[in-house]
Amino acid sequence: MITLKAGEVRPFPLAGRFLVCRFAQAGFYISAPDKGVQETPLQTSDTAILDGINTINLINKNATDLQIDIQSSRFKIESNSGGAVTINGGEIDRIKEAINVNATSTVENGSMKLINANQYQPIVNKTIPANSAVLIVAARAVKSRKVTLQSIGTLGLTKLRIGNDGTIDGTKGLLLQGDIDAPASAEINNESAVYIYNDSAVDAVVCGVEEWTV
């Protein structure tokens, strides 16, 4: 955060061609007369595109001190509106809408809150023959995707390995060992397919659920 005194003109070095005004208590001006940029107004959410300029003047024409938060960058922040105002030596883009992002959490009343899945798909019981790998669920490219699995075989404890393709075997992957009397569980927070290899001498059975957000 920068505080510009009333009437102050302060040189500001640029790290790139984009000057982003993240916050300003009131409007202010920028200029670079030697580069052909005359006094140009900026306010919160404006991005000035300044080619071939290393230093810009920040000008506070207000009668009171002014706090501003600006950032110089080599990368452009796009405006959803697509509008731009051309000026001598550059242009200004006004950001009028929020930037879309994919998120798994949100902030409410100052606290972080996870975005819960809103889709729930039970996984039908699957039998995995001894010394074999079986596809349990296919890949699903969605947000907040989670697969929960349980080992519920009835022929005794089975030792299972979890992977993301058919090459999974008894030498790699997450270990899951259990049966119907002592179920073992695992959660996979990933968009990839889920395969299970049965590294046991008897058949294994797994069940589970798949959850995600749309």
C-alpha atoms as a PDB file:
ATOM      1  CA  MET A   1       0.000   0.000   0.000  1.00  0.00           C
ATOM      2  CA  ILE A   2       1.306   3.449  -0.973  1.00  0.00           C
ATOM      3  CA  THR A   3       0.298   6.730   0.639  1.00  0.00           C
ATOM      4  CA  LEU A   4       0.425   9.723  -1.701  1.00  0.00           C
ATOM      5  CA  LYS A   5       0.402  13.086   0.018  1.00  0.00           C
ATOM      6  CA  ALA A   6      -2.077  15.706  -1.193  1.00  0.00           C
ATOM      7  CA  GLY A   7      -0.676  17.163  -4.416  1.00  0.00           C
ATOM      8  CA  GLU A   8       2.252  14.707  -4.482  1.00  0.00           C
ATOM      9  CA  VAL A   9       3.861  13.445  -7.692  1.00  0.00           C
ATOM     10  CA  ARG A  10       5.867  10.288  -7.076  1.00  0.00           C
ATOM     11  CA  PRO A  11       7.916   8.255  -9.588  1.00  0.00           C
ATOM     12  CA  PHE A  12       7.023   4.548  -9.583  1.00  0.00           C
ATOM     13  CA  PRO A  13       9.297   1.954 -11.242  1.00  0.00           C
ATOM     14  CA  LEU A  14       7.606  -0.587 -13.506  1.00  0.00           C
ATOM     15  CA  ALA A  15       8.434  -4.297 -13.564  1.00  0.00           C
ATOM     16  CA  GLY A  16       6.411  -4.922 -16.730  1.00  0.00           C
ATOM     17  CA  ARG A  17       4.017  -3.359 -19.233  1.00  0.00           C
ATOM     18  CA  PHE A  18       0.896  -3.838 -17.059  1.00  0.00           C
ATOM     19  CA  LEU A  19       0.135  -1.532 -14.125  1.00  0.00           C
ATOM     20  CA  VAL A  20      -2.771  -2.861 -12.024  1.00  0.00           C
ATOM     21  CA  CYS A  21      -4.644  -0.658  -9.570  1.00  0.00           C
ATOM     22  CA  ARG A  22      -5.912  -3.127  -6.981  1.00  0.00           C
ATOM     23  CA  PHE A  23      -7.326  -0.437  -4.696  1.00  0.00           C
ATOM     24  CA  ALA A  24      -7.532   3.351  -4.508  1.00  0.00           C
ATOM     25  CA  GLN A  25      -9.366   5.457  -1.936  1.00  0.00           C
ATOM     26  CA  ALA A  26     -10.122   7.922  -4.723  1.00  0.00           C
ATOM     27  CA  GLY A  27      -9.128   8.529  -8.309  1.00  0.00           C
ATOM     28  CA  PHE A  28      -5.553   9.503  -9.116  1.00  0.00           C
ATOM     29  CA  TYR A  29      -3.461  10.079 -12.245  1.00  0.00           C
ATOM     30  CA  ILE A  30      -0.442   8.552 -13.935  1.00  0.00           C
ATOM     31  CA  SER A  31       1.843  10.181 -16.474  1.00  0.00           C
ATOM     32  CA  ALA A  32       5.117   9.784 -18.316  1.00  0.00           C
ATOM     33  CA  PRO A  33       5.471  12.951 -20.430  1.00  0.00           C
ATOM     34  CA  ASP A  34       8.836  11.919 -21.831  1.00  0.00           C
ATOM     35  CA  LYS A  35       7.196   8.755 -23.240  1.00  0.00           C
ATOM     36  CA  GLY A  36       4.071  10.454 -24.572  1.00  0.00           C
ATOM     37  CA  VAL A  37       1.735   9.448 -21.735  1.00  0.00           C
ATOM     38  CA  GLN A  38      -0.152  12.539 -20.564  1.00  0.00           C
ATOM     39  CA  GLU A  39      -2.024  12.661 -17.252  1.00  0.00           C
ATOM     40  CA  THR A  40      -4.437   9.736 -17.305  1.00  0.00           C
ATOM     41  CA  PRO A  41      -6.948   8.908 -14.523  1.00  0.00           C
ATOM     42  CA  LEU A  42      -6.898   5.554 -12.739  1.00  0.00           C
ATOM     43  CA  GLN A  43      -9.122   4.038 -10.086  1.00  0.00           C
ATOM     44  CA  THR A  44      -9.727   0.684  -8.401  1.00  0.00           C
ATOM     45  CA  SER A  45      -9.684  -2.286 -10.838  1.00  0.00           C
ATOM     46  CA  ASP A  46      -8.067  -0.366 -13.724  1.00  0.00           C
ATOM     47  CA  THR A  47      -5.147  -1.894 -15.616  1.00  0.00           C
ATOM     48  CA  ALA A  48      -2.856   0.444 -17.557  1.00  0.00           C
ATOM     49  CA  ILE A  49      -0.895  -1.083 -20.436  1.00  0.00           C
ATOM     50  CA  LEU A  50       2.347   0.864 -20.803  1.00  0.00           C
ATOM     51  CA  ASP A  51       4.747  -0.257 -23.511  1.00  0.00           C
ATOM     52  CA  GLY A  52       8.373   0.779 -23.410  1.00  0.00           C
ATOM     53  CA  ILE A  53       8.050   2.639 -20.096  1.00  0.00           C
ATOM     54  CA  ASN A  54      10.295   1.951 -17.113  1.00  0.00           C
ATOM     55  CA  THR A  55       8.975   4.575 -14.680  1.00  0.00           C
ATOM     56  CA  ILE A  56       5.540   6.190 -14.320  1.00  0.00           C
ATOM     57  CA  ASN A  57       4.507   9.210 -12.236  1.00  0.00           C
ATOM     58  CA  LEU A  58       1.750   8.708  -9.658  1.00  0.00           C
ATOM     59  CA  ILE A  59      -0.163  11.965  -9.153  1.00  0.00           C
ATOM     60  CA  ASN A  60      -2.532  12.781  -6.294  1.00  0.00           C
ATOM     61  CA  LYS A  61      -4.609  15.842  -7.231  1.00  0.00           C
ATOM     62  CA  ASN A  62      -6.879  15.408  -4.225  1.00  0.00           C
ATOM     63  CA  ALA A  63      -6.842  17.817  -1.286  1.00  0.00           C
ATOM     64  CA  THR A  64      -6.167  14.943   1.129  1.00  0.00           C
ATOM     65  CA  ASP A  65      -3.674  12.099   1.386  1.00  0.00           C
ATOM     66  CA  LEU A  66      -4.541   9.048  -0.719  1.00  0.00           C
ATOM     67  CA  GLN A  67      -3.856   5.364  -0.177  1.00  0.00           C
ATOM     68  CA  ILE A  68      -3.451   3.179  -3.256  1.00  0.00           C
ATOM     69  CA  ASP A  69      -2.447  -0.416  -3.878  1.00  0.00           C
ATOM     70  CA  ILE A  70      -0.858  -0.876  -7.284  1.00  0.00           C
ATOM     71  CA  GLN A  71       1.158  -3.649  -8.858  1.00  0.00           C
ATOM     72  CA  SER A  72       3.382  -3.711 -11.921  1.00  0.00           C
ATOM     73  CA  SER A  73       3.458  -7.006 -13.793  1.00  0.00           C
ATOM     74  CA  ARG A  74       4.564  -8.610 -17.034  1.00  0.00           C
ATOM     75  CA  PHE A  75       1.233 -10.465 -17.177  1.00  0.00           C
ATOM     76  CA  LYS A  76      -2.155  -9.027 -18.107  1.00  0.00           C
ATOM     77  CA  ILE A  77      -5.319  -9.359 -16.007  1.00  0.00           C
ATOM     78  CA  GLU A  78      -8.124  -9.768 -18.530  1.00  0.00           C
ATOM     79  CA  SER A  79     -11.403  -7.875 -18.330  1.00  0.00           C
ATOM     80  CA  ASN A  80     -14.512 -10.000 -18.855  1.00  0.00           C
ATOM     81  CA  SER A  81     -16.188  -7.014 -20.488  1.00  0.00           C
ATOM     82  CA  GLY A  82     -13.421  -6.821 -23.077  1.00  0.00           C
ATOM     83  CA  GLY A  83     -13.585  -3.007 -23.059  1.00  0.00           C
ATOM     84  CA  ALA A  84     -10.519  -0.798 -23.293  1.00  0.00           C
ATOM     85  CA  VAL A  85      -9.815   2.925 -23.360  1.00  0.00           C
ATOM     86  CA  THR A  86      -6.926   3.930 -25.618  1.00  0.00           C
ATOM     87  CA  ILE A  87      -4.493   6.591 -24.367  1.00  0.00           C
ATOM     88  CA  ASN A  88      -1.254   8.005 -25.739  1.00  0.00           C
ATOM     89  CA  GLY A  89       1.401   5.388 -25.119  1.00  0.00           C
ATOM     90  CA  GLY A  90      -0.955   2.720 -23.833  1.00  0.00           C
ATOM     91  CA  GLU A  91      -4.484   1.705 -22.920  1.00  0.00           C
ATOM     92  CA  ILE A  92      -6.644   1.068 -19.850  1.00  0.00           C
ATOM     93  CA  ASP A  93      -8.826  -2.010 -19.287  1.00  0.00           C
ATOM     94  CA  ARG A  94     -11.598  -1.755 -16.688  1.00  0.00           C
ATOM     95  CA  ILE A  95     -12.348  -4.960 -14.797  1.00  0.00           C
ATOM     96  CA  LYS A  96     -16.130  -4.934 -14.421  1.00  0.00           C
ATOM     97  CA  GLU A  97     -16.833  -8.520 -13.401  1.00  0.00           C
ATOM     98  CA  ALA A  98     -15.335 -11.121 -11.076  1.00  0.00           C
ATOM     99  CA  ILE A  99     -12.727 -13.512 -12.454  1.00  0.00           C
ATOM    100  CA  ASN A 100     -14.039 -17.086 -12.680  1.00  0.00           C
ATOM    101  CA  VAL A 101     -12.048 -19.675 -10.720  1.00  0.00           C
ATOM    102  CA  ASN A 102     -12.435 -23.320  -9.787  1.00  0.00           C
ATOM    103  CA  ALA A 103     -12.393 -23.631  -6.021  1.00  0.00           C
ATOM    104  CA  THR A 104     -12.902 -26.347  -3.398  1.00  0.00           C
ATOM    105  CA  SER A 105     -13.426 -23.906  -0.531  1.00  0.00           C
ATOM    106  CA  THR A 106     -14.927 -20.510   0.156  1.00  0.00           C
ATOM    107  CA  VAL A 107     -14.705 -17.849   2.860  1.00  0.00           C
ATOM    108  CA  GLU A 108     -17.838 -17.045   4.853  1.00  0.00           C
ATOM    109  CA  ASN A 109     -17.817 -14.537   7.720  1.00  0.00           C
ATOM    110  CA  GLY A 110     -14.043 -14.676   7.869  1.00  0.00           C
ATOM    111  CA  SER A 111     -13.867 -18.490   8.127  1.00  0.00           C
ATOM    112  CA  MET A 112     -12.785 -21.031   5.533  1.00  0.00           C
ATOM    113  CA  LYS A 113     -15.556 -23.439   4.488  1.00  0.00           C
ATOM    114  CA  LEU A 114     -15.180 -26.459   2.196  1.00  0.00           C
ATOM    115  CA  ILE A 115     -17.462 -26.688  -0.824  1.00  0.00           C
ATOM    116  CA  ASN A 116     -19.239 -30.014  -0.293  1.00  0.00           C
ATOM    117  CA  ALA A 117     -19.866 -32.477  -3.108  1.00  0.00           C
ATOM    118  CA  ASN A 118     -23.417 -32.450  -4.489  1.00  0.00           C
ATOM    119  CA  GLN A 119     -23.263 -35.706  -6.484  1.00  0.00           C
ATOM    120  CA  TYR A 120     -23.201 -39.173  -4.875  1.00  0.00           C
ATOM    121  CA  GLN A 121     -22.790 -42.441  -6.789  1.00  0.00           C
ATOM    122  CA  PRO A 122     -22.672 -45.790  -4.908  1.00  0.00           C
ATOM    123  CA  ILE A 123     -20.144 -48.288  -6.271  1.00  0.00           C
ATOM    124  CA  VAL A 124     -21.620 -51.758  -6.741  1.00  0.00           C
ATOM    125  CA  ASN A 125     -19.772 -54.515  -4.849  1.00  0.00           C
ATOM    126  CA  LYS A 126     -16.926 -55.764  -7.006  1.00  0.00           C
ATOM    127  CA  THR A 127     -15.136 -59.098  -6.710  1.00  0.00           C
ATOM    128  CA  ILE A 128     -11.416 -59.054  -7.439  1.00  0.00           C
ATOM    129  CA  PRO A 129      -9.932 -62.479  -8.200  1.00  0.00           C
ATOM    130  CA  ALA A 130      -6.695 -63.454  -6.512  1.00  0.00           C
ATOM    131  CA  ASN A 131      -3.577 -62.000  -8.154  1.00  0.00           C
ATOM    132  CA  SER A 132      -5.643 -59.825 -10.520  1.00  0.00           C
ATOM    133  CA  ALA A 133      -6.223 -56.105 -11.138  1.00  0.00           C
ATOM    134  CA  VAL A 134      -9.743 -54.737 -11.686  1.00  0.00           C
ATOM    135  CA  LEU A 135     -11.037 -51.286 -12.687  1.00  0.00           C
ATOM    136  CA  ILE A 136     -13.229 -50.035  -9.839  1.00  0.00           C
ATOM    137  CA  VAL A 137     -14.245 -46.605 -11.232  1.00  0.00           C
ATOM    138  CA  ALA A 138     -13.313 -44.790 -14.412  1.00  0.00           C
ATOM    139  CA  ALA A 139     -11.670 -41.362 -14.452  1.00  0.00           C
ATOM    140  CA  ARG A 140     -13.986 -38.381 -13.933  1.00  0.00           C
ATOM    141  CA  ALA A 141     -12.725 -34.821 -14.573  1.00  0.00           C
ATOM    142  CA  VAL A 142     -14.877 -32.907 -12.102  1.00  0.00           C
ATOM    143  CA  LYS A 143     -14.418 -30.678  -9.063  1.00  0.00           C
ATOM    144  CA  SER A 144     -14.114 -32.047  -5.507  1.00  0.00           C
ATOM    145  CA  ARG A 145     -14.064 -35.629  -6.757  1.00  0.00           C
ATOM    146  CA  LYS A 146     -13.556 -38.251  -4.039  1.00  0.00           C
ATOM    147  CA  VAL A 147     -13.702 -42.055  -4.142  1.00  0.00           C
ATOM    148  CA  THR A 148     -14.175 -43.941  -0.845  1.00  0.00           C
ATOM    149  CA  LEU A 149     -13.502 -47.690  -0.818  1.00  0.00           C
ATOM    150  CA  GLN A 150     -13.908 -50.517   1.710  1.00  0.00           C
ATOM    151  CA  SER A 151     -12.610 -54.074   1.682  1.00  0.00           C
ATOM    152  CA  ILE A 152     -15.485 -56.392   2.731  1.00  0.00           C
ATOM    153  CA  GLY A 153     -14.459 -59.882   1.586  1.00  0.00           C
ATOM    154  CA  THR A 154     -15.886 -62.952   3.414  1.00  0.00           C
ATOM    155  CA  LEU A 155     -13.009 -65.392   2.843  1.00  0.00           C
ATOM    156  CA  GLY A 156     -10.595 -63.841   5.328  1.00  0.00           C
ATOM    157  CA  LEU A 157      -8.289 -60.839   5.268  1.00  0.00           C
ATOM    158  CA  THR A 158      -7.223 -59.791   1.793  1.00  0.00           C
ATOM    159  CA  LYS A 159      -4.288 -57.549   0.900  1.00  0.00           C
ATOM    160  CA  LEU A 160      -5.145 -55.059  -1.819  1.00  0.00           C
ATOM    161  CA  ARG A 161      -3.115 -52.409  -3.669  1.00  0.00           C
ATOM    162  CA  ILE A 162      -4.723 -49.270  -5.123  1.00  0.00           C
ATOM    163  CA  GLY A 163      -3.479 -47.586  -8.311  1.00  0.00           C
ATOM    164  CA  ASN A 164      -4.656 -45.511 -11.276  1.00  0.00           C
ATOM    165  CA  ASP A 165      -4.153 -47.983 -14.160  1.00  0.00           C
ATOM    166  CA  GLY A 166      -3.999 -51.670 -14.971  1.00  0.00           C
ATOM    167  CA  THR A 167      -0.287 -51.953 -14.261  1.00  0.00           C
ATOM    168  CA  ILE A 168      -0.902 -51.904 -10.501  1.00  0.00           C
ATOM    169  CA  ASP A 169       0.492 -54.998  -8.762  1.00  0.00           C
ATOM    170  CA  GLY A 170       1.591 -56.251  -5.365  1.00  0.00           C
ATOM    171  CA  THR A 171       4.777 -54.157  -5.352  1.00  0.00           C
ATOM    172  CA  LYS A 172       3.263 -50.646  -5.443  1.00  0.00           C
ATOM    173  CA  GLY A 173       0.261 -48.540  -4.604  1.00  0.00           C
ATOM    174  CA  LEU A 174      -1.706 -47.810  -1.447  1.00  0.00           C
ATOM    175  CA  LEU A 175      -2.198 -50.901   0.773  1.00  0.00           C
ATOM    176  CA  LEU A 176      -5.718 -51.839   1.893  1.00  0.00           C
ATOM    177  CA  GLN A 177      -6.061 -54.947   4.107  1.00  0.00           C
ATOM    178  CA  GLY A 178      -9.368 -56.041   5.628  1.00  0.00           C
ATOM    179  CA  ASP A 179     -12.545 -58.162   5.391  1.00  0.00           C
ATOM    180  CA  ILE A 180     -16.228 -58.039   6.344  1.00  0.00           C
ATOM    181  CA  ASP A 181     -15.391 -58.415  10.061  1.00  0.00           C
ATOM    182  CA  ALA A 182     -12.661 -55.776   9.996  1.00  0.00           C
ATOM    183  CA  PRO A 183     -13.329 -53.501   7.009  1.00  0.00           C
ATOM    184  CA  ALA A 184     -10.407 -51.438   5.777  1.00  0.00           C
ATOM    185  CA  SER A 185     -11.157 -48.070   4.120  1.00  0.00           C
ATOM    186  CA  ALA A 186      -9.370 -45.644   1.841  1.00  0.00           C
ATOM    187  CA  GLU A 187     -10.217 -42.257   0.286  1.00  0.00           C
ATOM    188  CA  ILE A 188      -8.838 -41.093  -3.070  1.00  0.00           C
ATOM    189  CA  ASN A 189      -9.202 -37.372  -3.794  1.00  0.00           C
ATOM    190  CA  ASN A 190      -8.281 -37.484  -7.445  1.00  0.00           C
ATOM    191  CA  GLU A 191      -9.849 -37.311 -10.925  1.00  0.00           C
ATOM    192  CA  SER A 192      -8.032 -40.395 -12.242  1.00  0.00           C
ATOM    193  CA  ALA A 193      -9.350 -43.923 -12.662  1.00  0.00           C
ATOM    194  CA  VAL A 194      -9.099 -46.278  -9.674  1.00  0.00           C
ATOM    195  CA  TYR A 195      -7.782 -49.823 -10.076  1.00  0.00           C
ATOM    196  CA  ILE A 196      -7.315 -52.410  -7.322  1.00  0.00           C
ATOM    197  CA  TYR A 197      -4.921 -55.374  -7.392  1.00  0.00           C
ATOM    198  CA  ASN A 198      -5.679 -58.339  -5.135  1.00  0.00           C
ATOM    199  CA  ASP A 199      -2.355 -59.548  -3.714  1.00  0.00           C
ATOM    200  CA  SER A 200      -3.977 -62.458  -1.899  1.00  0.00           C
ATOM    201  CA  ALA A 201      -4.672 -66.150  -2.436  1.00  0.00           C
ATOM    202  CA  VAL A 202      -8.476 -65.725  -2.229  1.00  0.00           C
ATOM    203  CA  ASP A 203     -11.026 -63.493  -3.925  1.00  0.00           C
ATOM    204  CA  ALA A 204     -11.530 -60.022  -2.446  1.00  0.00           C
ATOM    205  CA  VAL A 205     -14.652 -57.851  -2.450  1.00  0.00           C
ATOM    206  CA  VAL A 206     -14.745 -54.061  -2.334  1.00  0.00           C
ATOM    207  CA  CYS A 207     -17.577 -51.554  -2.123  1.00  0.00           C
ATOM    208  CA  GLY A 208     -17.630 -47.787  -2.007  1.00  0.00           C
ATOM    209  CA  VAL A 209     -18.992 -44.442  -3.178  1.00  0.00           C
ATOM    210  CA  GLU A 210     -17.947 -41.759  -5.631  1.00  0.00           C
ATOM    211  CA  GLU A 211     -18.670 -38.084  -4.859  1.00  0.00           C
ATOM    212  CA  TRP A 212     -18.101 -34.879  -6.854  1.00  0.00           C
ATOM    213  CA  THR A 213     -19.349 -31.352  -7.467  1.00  0.00           C
ATOM    214  CA  VAL A 214     -21.079 -29.918 -10.535  1.00  0.00           C
END
